[in-house]
Protein backbone atom coordinates (compact mmCIF):
# COMPACT_ATOMS: atom_id res chain seq x y z
CA MET A 1 -0.69 -26.85 -1.56
CA GLU A 2 -0.81 -24.92 1.97
CA SER A 3 -4.07 -25.31 3.36
CA HIS A 4 -6.72 -22.82 4.61
CA ASN A 5 -5.75 -23.70 8.15
CA SER A 6 -1.97 -23.34 7.96
CA LYS A 7 -2.95 -19.88 6.01
CA THR A 8 -4.69 -18.88 8.77
CA LEU A 9 -2.81 -19.95 11.49
CA GLU A 10 0.63 -18.11 9.90
CA SER A 11 -2.14 -14.66 10.09
CA ALA A 12 -2.83 -15.04 13.51
CA LEU A 13 1.26 -15.87 14.61
CA ARG A 14 1.91 -12.77 12.52
CA LEU A 15 -0.66 -10.45 13.80
CA ASP A 16 0.51 -11.19 17.06
CA ALA A 17 4.45 -10.68 16.31
CA ILE A 18 3.10 -7.17 14.97
CA VAL A 19 1.25 -5.85 18.45
CA LYS A 20 4.60 -7.67 20.20
CA TYR A 21 6.85 -5.83 18.12
CA LEU A 22 4.85 -2.72 18.54
CA GLY A 23 4.85 -2.63 21.98
CA VAL A 24 1.00 -3.25 21.84
CA GLY A 25 0.19 -5.72 23.38
CA LYS A 26 0.96 -9.28 23.35
CA HIS A 27 -1.92 -10.84 21.63
CA TRP A 28 -3.64 -9.86 18.60
CA GLY A 29 -7.66 -8.37 19.98
CA GLY A 30 -9.22 -7.05 16.92
CA LYS A 31 -10.52 -3.95 16.23
CA ASP A 32 -8.87 -2.60 19.49
CA SER A 33 -5.12 -4.21 18.46
CA GLU A 34 -5.52 -2.42 15.12
CA LYS A 35 -6.47 0.96 16.41
CA GLU A 36 -3.33 1.21 18.85
CA VAL A 37 -1.13 -1.09 15.78
CA VAL A 38 -2.55 2.28 13.70
CA HIS A 39 -1.06 4.94 16.23
CA ALA A 40 1.76 2.94 16.93
CA CYS A 41 2.99 3.20 13.21
CA LEU A 42 1.84 6.80 12.98
CA GLU A 43 4.05 7.44 15.87
CA LYS A 44 6.90 6.15 14.50
CA MET A 45 6.42 8.11 11.77
CA SER A 46 6.85 11.49 13.97
CA GLY A 47 10.14 12.56 13.99
CA LEU A 48 10.24 12.44 10.01
CA PHE A 49 8.51 16.08 9.54
CA VAL A 50 11.05 18.55 10.35
CA GLY A 51 12.06 20.30 7.28
CA LEU A 52 9.72 17.95 4.99
CA GLU A 53 8.38 19.06 2.26
CA PRO A 54 4.72 18.83 2.72
CA THR A 55 3.70 16.11 -0.07
CA GLY A 56 3.13 12.45 0.42
CA GLU A 57 5.87 11.66 -2.14
CA ALA A 58 8.48 13.32 0.28
CA LEU A 59 7.40 11.52 3.07
CA ALA A 60 7.44 8.15 1.81
CA ALA A 61 11.03 9.12 0.15
CA ARG A 62 12.26 10.47 3.91
CA THR A 63 10.51 7.19 5.67
CA ALA A 64 12.01 4.63 3.04
CA LYS A 65 15.21 6.22 3.76
CA HIS A 66 15.10 6.06 7.83
CA TYR A 67 13.75 2.67 7.60
CA GLN A 68 16.22 1.51 4.91
CA VAL A 69 13.97 0.30 2.38
CA CYS A 70 15.52 0.82 -1.06
CA PHE A 71 12.20 0.73 -4.15
CA GLU A 72 12.97 -1.08 -7.38
CA GLU A 73 10.75 -0.53 -10.15
CA VAL A 74 9.90 -3.47 -12.99
CA ARG A 75 8.46 -2.43 -15.91
CA ASP A 76 9.95 -5.13 -18.80
CA GLU A 77 11.92 -7.90 -18.69
CA GLU A 78 15.65 -5.88 -18.62
CA ASP A 79 14.58 -4.84 -15.32
CA ILE A 80 13.75 -8.38 -13.90
CA THR A 81 17.49 -8.89 -15.38
CA SER A 82 19.12 -6.03 -14.35
CA LEU A 83 17.52 -6.59 -10.41
CA GLU A 84 18.62 -10.25 -10.96
CA GLN A 85 22.53 -9.41 -11.29
CA LYS A 86 22.56 -6.41 -9.21
CA TYR A 87 21.13 -8.26 -6.12
CA LEU A 88 20.98 -12.12 -7.17
CA VAL A 89 24.90 -12.17 -8.44
CA GLY A 90 26.32 -8.93 -7.33
CA LYS A 91 24.96 -8.85 -3.45
CA ARG A 92 24.52 -12.72 -3.63
CA GLU A 93 21.04 -12.42 -2.65
CA LEU A 94 19.19 -15.63 -2.66
CA GLY A 95 16.01 -14.33 -2.38
CA PHE A 96 15.99 -12.90 -6.03
CA ALA A 97 16.54 -16.35 -7.59
CA ARG A 98 12.17 -15.91 -7.29
CA ILE A 99 12.27 -11.99 -8.60
CA ARG A 100 10.93 -13.24 -12.38
CA GLU A 101 8.54 -16.12 -11.15
CA GLU A 102 6.84 -13.65 -9.12
CA ILE A 103 6.92 -10.41 -11.50
CA HIS A 104 5.12 -13.29 -13.62
CA SER A 105 2.58 -14.31 -10.90
CA PRO A 106 -1.39 -13.32 -11.43
CA ASN A 107 -1.74 -10.28 -9.99
CA VAL A 108 1.21 -9.21 -7.74
CA ASP A 109 1.70 -6.00 -7.32
CA ALA A 110 4.73 -5.68 -5.36
CA LEU A 111 7.60 -8.07 -3.34
CA LEU A 112 9.20 -7.38 -0.12
CA PHE A 113 13.07 -8.85 0.67
CA GLN A 114 15.04 -8.33 3.27
CA ARG A 115 18.57 -8.96 2.56
CA ILE A 116 20.19 -11.61 4.01
CA ASN A 117 24.03 -10.07 3.06
CA ALA A 118 22.90 -6.38 4.10
CA ASN A 119 25.33 -4.32 6.47
CA PRO A 120 23.46 -2.63 9.44
CA ASP A 121 24.01 0.69 8.19
CA ASP A 122 23.38 -0.04 4.25
CA LEU A 123 20.10 1.72 3.10
CA ASP A 124 18.91 -1.13 1.08
CA ARG A 125 18.60 -3.60 4.19
CA TRP A 126 15.39 -3.86 3.02
CA VAL A 127 14.35 -4.17 -0.69
CA ALA A 128 10.92 -3.49 -2.51
CA VAL A 129 10.37 -4.46 -5.71
CA LEU A 130 7.32 -2.51 -7.59
CA ASN A 131 5.21 -4.69 -10.15
CA LEU A 132 4.36 -1.60 -12.62
CA THR A 133 4.49 -3.80 -15.70
CA MET A 134 0.74 -3.80 -16.21
CA THR A 135 0.15 0.00 -14.72
CA GLU A 136 1.56 2.37 -12.53
CA ASP A 137 -1.50 3.72 -10.81
CA ARG A 138 -1.01 1.53 -7.94
CA ALA A 139 2.81 2.71 -7.57
CA TYR A 140 2.39 5.32 -5.19
CA TRP A 141 -0.31 3.27 -2.78
CA ASN A 142 2.06 0.35 -2.93
CA ARG A 143 4.98 1.97 -1.68
CA TYR A 144 3.29 2.85 1.25
CA HIS A 145 1.97 -0.50 1.65
CA GLU A 146 5.22 -2.30 1.49
CA LEU A 147 6.54 0.67 4.11
CA SER A 148 3.91 0.03 6.18
CA HIS A 149 5.08 -3.80 6.32
CA ARG A 150 8.19 -2.33 7.63
CA LEU A 151 6.48 -0.21 10.17
CA ALA A 152 4.75 -2.92 11.49
CA GLU A 153 6.26 -6.22 11.51
CA PRO A 154 9.53 -7.35 13.12
CA PRO A 155 12.34 -8.44 11.15
CA GLN A 156 12.29 -12.08 9.69
CA LYS A 157 14.30 -14.75 10.88
CA VAL A 158 14.20 -16.80 7.83
CA LEU A 159 14.95 -16.46 3.79
CA PRO A 160 13.22 -13.21 3.81
CA PHE A 161 10.32 -12.85 1.05
CA ARG A 162 6.83 -11.51 1.18
CA ARG A 163 4.41 -11.00 -1.81
CA GLN A 164 1.91 -8.52 -2.12
CA LEU A 165 -1.49 -9.15 -4.48
CA THR A 166 -3.80 -7.03 -5.49
CA ASP A 167 -6.82 -9.38 -4.77
CA ASP A 168 -5.46 -10.70 -1.15
CA ARG A 169 -7.94 -11.38 1.46
CA ASP A 170 -5.23 -12.29 3.98
CA VAL A 171 -5.96 -10.55 7.15
CA VAL A 172 -2.36 -9.09 7.44
CA GLU A 173 -2.54 -7.53 4.23
CA LYS A 174 -6.07 -6.23 5.28
CA LEU A 175 -4.15 -4.54 8.51
CA ILE A 176 -1.31 -3.36 6.50
CA ASP A 177 -3.50 -1.68 4.05
CA THR A 178 -5.25 0.04 6.56
CA ILE A 179 -2.03 1.20 8.11
CA ALA A 180 -1.18 2.52 4.80
CA GLY A 181 -4.28 4.15 4.34
CA GLU A 182 -3.09 6.17 7.49
CA VAL A 183 0.61 6.71 6.71
CA ALA A 184 0.28 7.91 2.90
CA PHE A 185 -2.03 10.44 3.95
CA HIS A 186 0.14 11.71 7.48
CA PRO A 187 -2.48 13.19 9.89
CA GLN A 188 0.42 15.56 10.88
CA LEU A 189 1.14 16.58 7.22
CA PHE A 190 -2.30 15.85 5.06
CA SER A 191 -4.23 17.72 7.94
CA PRO A 192 -3.69 21.02 6.38
CA TYR A 193 -5.47 19.76 3.13
CA MET A 194 -8.47 18.98 3.98
CA ARG A 195 -9.32 22.31 5.99
CA SER A 196 -10.90 23.79 2.56
CA ILE A 197 -13.13 20.67 2.28
CA ARG A 198 -13.84 18.71 5.70
CA ASP A 199 -16.86 19.86 6.23
CA THR A 200 -18.44 21.17 2.69
CA PRO A 201 -19.89 18.47 0.27
CA ALA A 202 -16.50 17.54 -1.85
CA THR A 203 -16.30 18.01 -5.47
CA PHE A 204 -13.82 16.41 -7.81
CA GLU A 205 -12.56 20.02 -8.82
CA ALA A 206 -11.75 20.59 -4.92
CA ILE A 207 -10.32 16.55 -4.83
CA SER A 208 -8.13 17.08 -7.97
CA ALA A 209 -6.38 20.24 -6.22
CA VAL A 210 -6.02 18.28 -3.01
CA ARG A 211 -4.14 15.74 -4.91
CA ASN A 212 -2.10 17.88 -7.60
CA ALA A 213 -1.11 19.74 -4.12
CA TYR A 214 -0.47 17.02 -1.98
CA SER A 215 0.42 13.62 -3.97
CA PRO A 216 0.29 14.37 -7.92
CA SER A 217 1.75 10.58 -8.48
CA ALA A 218 -1.29 9.01 -6.18
CA SER A 219 -4.12 7.14 -8.05
CA LEU A 220 -7.25 9.86 -7.96
CA LEU A 221 -8.88 7.04 -6.12
CA ALA A 222 -6.74 6.60 -3.48
CA VAL A 223 -6.90 10.56 -2.68
CA THR A 224 -10.28 10.25 -3.00
CA ASN A 225 -10.95 7.82 -0.39
CA ALA A 226 -8.37 9.34 2.07
CA ILE A 227 -10.68 12.61 1.85
CA VAL A 228 -14.05 10.52 2.10
CA GLN A 229 -12.76 8.74 5.65
CA ARG A 230 -11.52 12.27 6.62
CA MET A 231 -14.31 14.55 5.88
CA GLU A 232 -16.37 15.52 8.57
CA ARG A 233 -19.74 14.81 7.42
CA PRO A 234 -21.39 11.72 5.71
CA ALA A 235 -19.70 10.23 2.16
CA VAL A 236 -19.26 7.74 0.14
CA ALA A 237 -17.04 7.37 -2.67
CA PHE A 238 -17.62 4.72 -5.49
CA VAL A 239 -16.44 3.88 -9.10
CA ALA A 240 -18.93 3.36 -12.21
CA SER A 241 -18.77 1.36 -15.22
CA MET A 242 -20.83 -0.72 -17.96
CA LYS A 243 -21.46 -3.96 -16.61
CA SER A 244 -24.13 -6.85 -17.20
CA LYS A 245 -26.24 -7.87 -14.17
CA ARG A 246 -24.20 -10.54 -12.21
CA SER A 247 -27.41 -13.00 -13.14
CA GLY A 248 -28.07 -11.81 -16.43
CA PRO A 249 -26.95 -12.22 -20.21
CA SER A 250 -23.67 -10.71 -20.40
CA ASP A 251 -24.69 -8.92 -23.72
CA VAL A 252 -27.28 -6.55 -21.73
CA LYS A 253 -25.18 -4.17 -19.79
CA ASP A 254 -25.93 -0.84 -17.52
CA LEU A 255 -23.55 1.26 -15.96
CA ARG A 256 -23.25 -0.10 -12.61
CA ILE A 257 -21.62 1.01 -9.05
CA GLU A 258 -18.70 -0.51 -7.14
CA PRO A 259 -18.92 1.07 -3.54
CA GLN A 260 -15.70 2.17 -2.51
CA CYS A 261 -14.99 4.28 0.82
CA ARG A 262 -17.29 4.75 3.39
CA ASN A 263 -16.86 6.78 6.30
CA LEU A 264 -18.11 6.69 9.89
CA LEU A 265 -20.28 9.53 9.55
CA ALA A 266 -22.16 7.61 7.00
CA GLN A 267 -22.15 4.59 8.28
CA GLU A 268 -24.40 6.47 10.97
CA SER A 269 -26.31 8.20 9.27
CA GLY A 270 -27.37 5.31 6.58
CA LEU A 271 -26.24 6.47 3.74
CA PHE A 272 -24.60 3.53 1.60
CA LEU A 273 -24.58 2.26 -2.15
CA ILE A 274 -24.94 -1.65 -3.17
CA ARG A 275 -22.36 -3.30 -5.53
CA ASN A 276 -23.91 -3.97 -8.83
CA MET A 277 -26.40 -1.37 -8.74
CA ARG A 278 -27.33 0.93 -11.96
CA VAL A 279 -26.49 4.28 -12.12
CA PRO A 280 -30.13 5.78 -12.36
CA PHE A 281 -30.32 7.91 -15.87
CA SER A 282 -31.29 10.99 -14.26
CA SER A 283 -28.17 11.02 -12.34
CA CYS A 284 -25.33 13.62 -13.25
CA ALA A 285 -23.01 10.33 -13.34
CA TYR A 286 -24.69 9.16 -16.06
CA HIS A 287 -24.37 12.22 -18.00
CA THR A 288 -21.21 12.43 -17.10
CA PHE A 289 -20.32 8.66 -18.51
CA LEU A 290 -21.81 10.19 -21.72
CA THR A 291 -20.59 13.39 -22.49
CA GLY A 292 -16.81 12.88 -20.33
CA CYS A 293 -17.76 16.23 -18.56
CA PRO A 294 -17.49 16.89 -14.58
CA MET A 295 -20.25 17.10 -13.25
CA THR A 296 -21.70 17.96 -9.34
CA ASN A 297 -25.11 17.56 -8.53
CA ILE A 298 -28.04 17.59 -5.67
CA GLU A 299 -29.59 13.91 -5.84
CA ASN A 300 -32.14 12.24 -4.47
CA THR A 301 -31.09 8.72 -3.49
CA ALA A 302 -34.19 6.83 -3.35
CA GLU A 303 -33.78 7.24 -7.18
CA TRP A 304 -30.98 4.81 -6.80
CA THR A 305 -31.73 1.56 -7.19
CA THR A 306 -31.16 -2.16 -7.84
CA SER A 307 -32.19 -4.45 -11.05
CA SER A 308 -34.74 -5.92 -8.28
CA GLY A 309 -36.08 -2.62 -8.01
CA ARG A 310 -34.50 -2.43 -4.17
CA ALA A 311 -34.03 1.24 -3.12
CA ILE A 312 -31.48 2.60 -0.82
CA PRO A 313 -32.64 4.63 2.02
CA GLU A 314 -33.48 8.12 1.31
CA HIS A 315 -31.25 10.87 1.54
CA ARG A 316 -30.59 14.21 -0.18
CA VAL A 317 -26.64 14.52 -1.55
CA THR A 318 -24.58 16.26 -3.66
CA VAL A 319 -23.19 13.57 -5.93
CA SER A 320 -20.01 14.96 -8.11
CA VAL A 321 -18.27 12.63 -10.55
CA ILE A 322 -15.42 13.02 -13.25
CA LYS A 323 -14.66 10.44 -15.99
CA LEU A 324 -11.64 8.61 -16.57
CA ASN A 325 -11.19 6.47 -19.64
CA ASP A 326 -14.06 4.53 -19.37
CA ARG A 327 -14.82 4.64 -15.58
CA ILE A 328 -16.55 6.73 -13.49
CA TYR A 329 -15.08 7.96 -10.16
CA GLY A 330 -17.43 9.43 -7.97
CA ILE A 331 -18.15 10.89 -4.53
CA MET A 332 -21.69 11.26 -2.45
CA THR A 333 -22.01 13.75 0.08
CA ILE A 334 -24.90 14.47 2.68
């Protein structure tokens, strides 16, 4: 089994390789390097917008073609067999001998292969396999995650194979997610969609309109997080579902918070939510959970408390919520 130290060393070497490949340094330098890497990746896409339909899906398709990434989708066993025949048998790509095992591994969202036997002008020199066996909700995000690997990392010199885990905490994967969050909503393409929502309290009616226009295949949460990051007022995004208290009996449940994105203005103003805190009965979020009706309301954050009674700093906020299946999606803005 690979040790923690060896994984840490591998990640450090990959981070150094990224800054060297992008020409922004010789060694990884933390947050400063992160900003430079993100900017460099955005710049690598700057020539792709001429005549482009202004949607996230169109940008993903053009970026994939330009950087020779072919996307394949797996929904069932037949899809895996088809890819084995296409790449392992037909194109003699040995990395695909592991595809069945990896697709069935826990939490594997996607696999990225750099083909060994590809010609320089092949449009599938890199093959990104999206694991859609459980859900397609993350397909849009995973496309940009794999494209971000292609933008940021140098070609590999060994049998190429890299996998993305839904719960990966590796520093490189975190960096790639940060890049993906920017390139999937590239400012050159996405900024016009923000004009009507940038400096006003966000509602899910407005967020849904942006999603439908810019990236209808993206998850609502991905679009919400992108909007929160780019708003010109303090904002936080959250989801909520019925959960038990972490240290309490499993059969006693309340509607509890899972914080998502929080922009810099929210950090500066002290607006935040605490993981697993309860949604107050008085909140429109609770009413939406019960009724299924989307709601927007003015609320006081002092009413949002933890099980121990701890309250977050008091702010007058606009809370907008929508229910999908058994979860509440919310956004809170000052």
